[in-house]
PDB file of N, CA and C in Angstrom:
ATOM      1  N   MET A   1     121.074 163.749  89.568  1.00  0.00           N
ATOM      2  CA  MET A   1     119.999 164.554  89.052  1.00  0.00           C
ATOM      3  C   MET A   1     119.500 163.907  87.774  1.00  0.00           C
ATOM      4  N   SER A   2     118.208 163.669  87.716  1.00  0.00           N
ATOM      5  CA  SER A   2     117.671 163.068  86.504  1.00  0.00           C
ATOM      6  C   SER A   2     117.719 164.095  85.373  1.00  0.00           C
ATOM      7  N   ALA A   3     117.810 163.582  84.196  1.00  0.00           N
ATOM      8  CA  ALA A   3     117.953 164.466  83.036  1.00  0.00           C
ATOM      9  C   ALA A   3     116.741 165.377  82.871  1.00  0.00           C
ATOM     10  N   SER A   4     115.552 164.846  83.106  1.00  0.00           N
ATOM     11  CA  SER A   4     114.360 165.670  82.915  1.00  0.00           C
ATOM     12  C   SER A   4     114.282 166.793  83.947  1.00  0.00           C
ATOM     13  N   GLU A   5     114.676 166.524  85.180  1.00  0.00           N
ATOM     14  CA  GLU A   5     114.670 167.569  86.213  1.00  0.00           C
ATOM     15  C   GLU A   5     115.739 168.625  85.921  1.00  0.00           C
ATOM     16  N   LYS A   6     116.862 168.191  85.392  1.00  0.00           N
ATOM     17  CA  LYS A   6     117.923 169.134  85.043  1.00  0.00           C
ATOM     18  C   LYS A   6     117.456 170.060  83.921  1.00  0.00           C
ATOM     19  N   VAL A   7     116.760 169.493  82.954  1.00  0.00           N
ATOM     20  CA  VAL A   7     116.246 170.298  81.845  1.00  0.00           C
ATOM     21  C   VAL A   7     115.192 171.285  82.349  1.00  0.00           C
ATOM     22  N   LYS A   8     114.319 170.833  83.251  1.00  0.00           N
ATOM     23  CA  LYS A   8     113.300 171.720  83.812  1.00  0.00           C
ATOM     24  C   LYS A   8     113.944 172.893  84.544  1.00  0.00           C
ATOM     25  N   ALA A   9     114.969 172.607  85.329  1.00  0.00           N
ATOM     26  CA  ALA A   9     115.645 173.654  86.090  1.00  0.00           C
ATOM     27  C   ALA A   9     116.304 174.663  85.154  1.00  0.00           C
ATOM     28  N   GLN A  10     116.983 174.167  84.141  1.00  0.00           N
ATOM     29  CA  GLN A  10     117.648 175.059  83.191  1.00  0.00           C
ATOM     30  C   GLN A  10     116.632 175.875  82.402  1.00  0.00           C
ATOM     31  N   ALA A  11     115.514 175.253  82.022  1.00  0.00           N
ATOM     32  CA  ALA A  11     114.475 175.959  81.266  1.00  0.00           C
ATOM     33  C   ALA A  11     113.861 177.077  82.103  1.00  0.00           C
ATOM     34  N   GLU A  12     113.593 176.798  83.381  1.00  0.00           N
ATOM     35  CA  GLU A  12     113.036 177.828  84.253  1.00  0.00           C
ATOM     36  C   GLU A  12     114.004 178.988  84.421  1.00  0.00           C
ATOM     37  N   GLN A  13     115.271 178.675  84.572  1.00  0.00           N
ATOM     38  CA  GLN A  13     116.274 179.734  84.735  1.00  0.00           C
ATOM     39  C   GLN A  13     116.352 180.588  83.473  1.00  0.00           C
ATOM     40  N   LEU A  14     116.357 179.947  82.318  1.00  0.00           N
ATOM     41  CA  LEU A  14     116.460 180.674  81.057  1.00  0.00           C
ATOM     42  C   LEU A  14     115.210 181.515  80.812  1.00  0.00           C
ATOM     43  N   ALA A  15     114.039 180.938  81.052  1.00  0.00           N
ATOM     44  CA  ALA A  15     112.791 181.682  80.855  1.00  0.00           C
ATOM     45  C   ALA A  15     112.727 182.879  81.804  1.00  0.00           C
ATOM     46  N   GLY A  16     113.110 182.666  83.044  1.00  0.00           N
ATOM     47  CA  GLY A  16     113.091 183.745  84.016  1.00  0.00           C
ATOM     48  C   GLY A  16     114.046 184.860  83.668  1.00  0.00           C
ATOM     49  N   LYS A  17     115.246 184.486  83.247  1.00  0.00           N
ATOM     50  CA  LYS A  17     116.241 185.497  82.889  1.00  0.00           C
ATOM     51  C   LYS A  17     115.780 186.291  81.666  1.00  0.00           C
ATOM     52  N   THR A  18     115.224 185.608  80.679  1.00  0.00           N
ATOM     53  CA  THR A  18     114.744 186.276  79.474  1.00  0.00           C
ATOM     54  C   THR A  18     113.600 187.226  79.798  1.00  0.00           C
ATOM     55  N   LEU A  19     112.650 186.757  80.597  1.00  0.00           N
ATOM     56  CA  LEU A  19     111.515 187.582  80.995  1.00  0.00           C
ATOM     57  C   LEU A  19     111.975 188.798  81.802  1.00  0.00           C
ATOM     58  N   ARG A  20     112.894 188.567  82.711  1.00  0.00           N
ATOM     59  CA  ARG A  20     113.399 189.657  83.550  1.00  0.00           C
ATOM     60  C   ARG A  20     114.100 190.724  82.717  1.00  0.00           C
ATOM     61  N   LYS A  21     114.957 190.303  81.786  1.00  0.00           N
ATOM     62  CA  LYS A  21     115.697 191.257  80.959  1.00  0.00           C
ATOM     63  C   LYS A  21     114.765 192.031  80.027  1.00  0.00           C
ATOM     64  N   ALA A  22     113.778 191.337  79.438  1.00  0.00           N
ATOM     65  CA  ALA A  22     112.835 192.015  78.542  1.00  0.00           C
ATOM     66  C   ALA A  22     111.993 193.022  79.318  1.00  0.00           C
ATOM     67  N   ALA A  23     111.536 192.637  80.499  1.00  0.00           N
ATOM     68  CA  ALA A  23     110.726 193.538  81.315  1.00  0.00           C
ATOM     69  C   ALA A  23     111.548 194.731  81.781  1.00  0.00           C
ATOM     70  N   HIS A  24     112.805 194.497  82.086  1.00  0.00           N
ATOM     71  CA  HIS A  24     113.680 195.599  82.505  1.00  0.00           C
ATOM     72  C   HIS A  24     113.834 196.607  81.362  1.00  0.00           C
ATOM     73  N   ALA A  25     113.964 196.106  80.150  1.00  0.00           N
ATOM     74  CA  ALA A  25     114.111 196.988  78.995  1.00  0.00           C
ATOM     75  C   ALA A  25     112.845 197.808  78.764  1.00  0.00           C
ATOM     76  N   MET A  26     111.686 197.224  79.086  1.00  0.00           N
ATOM     77  CA  MET A  26     110.413 197.930  78.907  1.00  0.00           C
ATOM     78  C   MET A  26     110.012 198.715  80.160  1.00  0.00           C
ATOM     79  N   ARG A  27     110.825 198.622  81.196  1.00  0.00           N
ATOM     80  CA  ARG A  27     110.577 199.290  82.479  1.00  0.00           C
ATOM     81  C   ARG A  27     109.264 198.844  83.117  1.00  0.00           C
ATOM     82  N   ASP A  28     109.009 197.537  83.043  1.00  0.00           N
ATOM     83  CA  ASP A  28     107.824 196.935  83.661  1.00  0.00           C
ATOM     84  C   ASP A  28     108.290 196.193  84.917  1.00  0.00           C
ATOM     85  N   HIS A  29     108.172 196.830  86.058  1.00  0.00           N
ATOM     86  CA  HIS A  29     108.732 196.304  87.298  1.00  0.00           C
ATOM     87  C   HIS A  29     108.015 195.050  87.788  1.00  0.00           C
ATOM     88  N   THR A  30     106.709 194.976  87.566  1.00  0.00           N
ATOM     89  CA  THR A  30     105.952 193.811  88.017  1.00  0.00           C
ATOM     90  C   THR A  30     106.397 192.556  87.267  1.00  0.00           C
ATOM     91  N   THR A  31     106.482 192.649  85.963  1.00  0.00           N
ATOM     92  CA  THR A  31     106.905 191.502  85.156  1.00  0.00           C
ATOM     93  C   THR A  31     108.366 191.174  85.417  1.00  0.00           C
ATOM     94  N   GLU A  32     109.162 192.186  85.673  1.00  0.00           N
ATOM     95  CA  GLU A  32     110.568 191.963  85.998  1.00  0.00           C
ATOM     96  C   GLU A  32     110.697 191.131  87.279  1.00  0.00           C
ATOM     97  N   ALA A  33     109.870 191.440  88.263  1.00  0.00           N
ATOM     98  CA  ALA A  33     109.889 190.671  89.516  1.00  0.00           C
ATOM     99  C   ALA A  33     109.430 189.238  89.292  1.00  0.00           C
ATOM    100  N   LYS A  34     108.439 189.051  88.434  1.00  0.00           N
ATOM    101  CA  LYS A  34     107.967 187.692  88.126  1.00  0.00           C
ATOM    102  C   LYS A  34     109.070 186.882  87.439  1.00  0.00           C
ATOM    103  N   GLY A  35     109.809 187.528  86.546  1.00  0.00           N
ATOM    104  CA  GLY A  35     110.920 186.856  85.867  1.00  0.00           C
ATOM    105  C   GLY A  35     112.019 186.477  86.848  1.00  0.00           C
ATOM    106  N   ALA A  36     112.301 187.375  87.787  1.00  0.00           N
ATOM    107  CA  ALA A  36     113.322 187.082  88.795  1.00  0.00           C
ATOM    108  C   ALA A  36     112.884 185.917  89.678  1.00  0.00           C
ATOM    109  N   ALA A  37     111.594 185.871  90.004  1.00  0.00           N
ATOM    110  CA  ALA A  37     111.075 184.772  90.822  1.00  0.00           C
ATOM    111  C   ALA A  37     111.172 183.444  90.075  1.00  0.00           C
ATOM    112  N   LEU A  38     110.872 183.464  88.796  1.00  0.00           N
ATOM    113  CA  LEU A  38     110.957 182.246  87.983  1.00  0.00           C
ATOM    114  C   LEU A  38     112.402 181.766  87.898  1.00  0.00           C
ATOM    115  N   GLU A  39     113.316 182.685  87.723  1.00  0.00           N
ATOM    116  CA  GLU A  39     114.736 182.338  87.660  1.00  0.00           C
ATOM    117  C   GLU A  39     115.206 181.739  88.992  1.00  0.00           C
ATOM    118  N   THR A  40     114.778 182.330  90.084  1.00  0.00           N
ATOM    119  CA  THR A  40     115.145 181.837  91.409  1.00  0.00           C
ATOM    120  C   THR A  40     114.569 180.449  91.653  1.00  0.00           C
ATOM    121  N   ARG A  41     113.340 180.224  91.189  1.00  0.00           N
ATOM    122  CA  ARG A  41     112.721 178.906  91.344  1.00  0.00           C
ATOM    123  C   ARG A  41     113.521 177.841  90.592  1.00  0.00           C
ATOM    124  N   GLY A  42     114.024 178.193  89.407  1.00  0.00           N
ATOM    125  CA  GLY A  42     114.851 177.262  88.645  1.00  0.00           C
ATOM    126  C   GLY A  42     116.152 176.947  89.360  1.00  0.00           C
ATOM    127  N   LYS A  43     116.748 177.970  89.981  1.00  0.00           N
ATOM    128  CA  LYS A  43     117.988 177.755  90.729  1.00  0.00           C
ATOM    129  C   LYS A  43     117.738 176.896  91.966  1.00  0.00           C
ATOM    130  N   ALA A  44     116.606 177.107  92.609  1.00  0.00           N
ATOM    131  CA  ALA A  44     116.259 176.298  93.789  1.00  0.00           C
ATOM    132  C   ALA A  44     116.022 174.849  93.403  1.00  0.00           C
ATOM    133  N   ARG A  45     115.358 174.639  92.274  1.00  0.00           N
ATOM    134  CA  ARG A  45     115.117 173.269  91.809  1.00  0.00           C
ATOM    135  C   ARG A  45     116.446 172.564  91.526  1.00  0.00           C
ATOM    136  N   GLU A  46     117.374 173.282  90.912  1.00  0.00           N
ATOM    137  CA  GLU A  46     118.682 172.702  90.618  1.00  0.00           C
ATOM    138  C   GLU A  46     119.433 172.365  91.903  1.00  0.00           C
ATOM    139  N   ALA A  47     119.375 173.250  92.886  1.00  0.00           N
ATOM    140  CA  ALA A  47     120.049 173.004  94.161  1.00  0.00           C
ATOM    141  C   ALA A  47     119.433 171.797  94.878  1.00  0.00           C
ATOM    142  N   LYS A  48     118.117 171.676  94.816  1.00  0.00           N
ATOM    143  CA  LYS A  48     117.435 170.542  95.442  1.00  0.00           C
ATOM    144  C   LYS A  48     117.901 169.223  94.813  1.00  0.00           C
ATOM    145  N   GLU A  49     117.970 169.206  93.510  1.00  0.00           N
ATOM    146  CA  GLU A  49     118.389 167.983  92.816  1.00  0.00           C
ATOM    147  C   GLU A  49     119.853 167.655  93.104  1.00  0.00           C
ATOM    148  N   ARG A  50     120.694 168.676  93.211  1.00  0.00           N
ATOM    149  CA  ARG A  50     122.099 168.422  93.555  1.00  0.00           C
ATOM    150  C   ARG A  50     122.207 167.821  94.952  1.00  0.00           C
ATOM    151  N   GLY A  51     121.397 168.317  95.876  1.00  0.00           N
ATOM    152  CA  GLY A  51     121.386 167.773  97.237  1.00  0.00           C
ATOM    153  C   GLY A  51     120.946 166.328  97.261  1.00  0.00           C
ATOM    154  N   LYS A  52     119.936 166.007  96.467  1.00  0.00           N
ATOM    155  CA  LYS A  52     119.474 164.618  96.398  1.00  0.00           C
ATOM    156  C   LYS A  52     120.574 163.716  95.846  1.00  0.00           C
ATOM    157  N   ASP A  53     121.297 164.206  94.842  1.00  0.00           N
ATOM    158  CA  ASP A  53     122.381 163.422  94.258  1.00  0.00           C
ATOM    159  C   ASP A  53     123.514 163.213  95.250  1.00  0.00           C
ATOM    160  N   THR A  54     123.774 164.200  96.072  1.00  0.00           N
ATOM    161  CA  THR A  54     124.851 164.097  97.057  1.00  0.00           C
ATOM    162  C   THR A  54     124.563 162.974  98.058  1.00  0.00           C
ATOM    163  N   PHE A  55     123.318 162.874  98.503  1.00  0.00           N
ATOM    164  CA  PHE A  55     122.971 161.858  99.487  1.00  0.00           C
ATOM    165  C   PHE A  55     122.811 160.469  98.887  1.00  0.00           C
ATOM    166  N   LYS A  56     122.677 160.370  97.581  1.00  0.00           N
ATOM    167  CA  LYS A  56     122.568 159.072  96.922  1.00  0.00           C
ATOM    168  C   LYS A  56     123.920 158.370  96.884  1.00  0.00           C
ATOM    169  N   ARG A  57     124.978 159.132  96.932  1.00  0.00           N
ATOM    170  CA  ARG A  57     126.321 158.542  96.827  1.00  0.00           C
ATOM    171  C   ARG A  57     126.772 158.067  98.117  1.00  0.00           C
TER     172      ARG A  57
END
């Protein structure tokens, strides 16, 4: 996994988690769902990069 892709994945996960938790505290369900989607996208990006690394070896 390249360092820049790893940072992007971690940043998306952190931003999504922060957005989701803040929206949950404000009881804003739409924004909470957007935060969860962003977090999931970060996890998917990380999984994709791990898969690429597995096949490189």
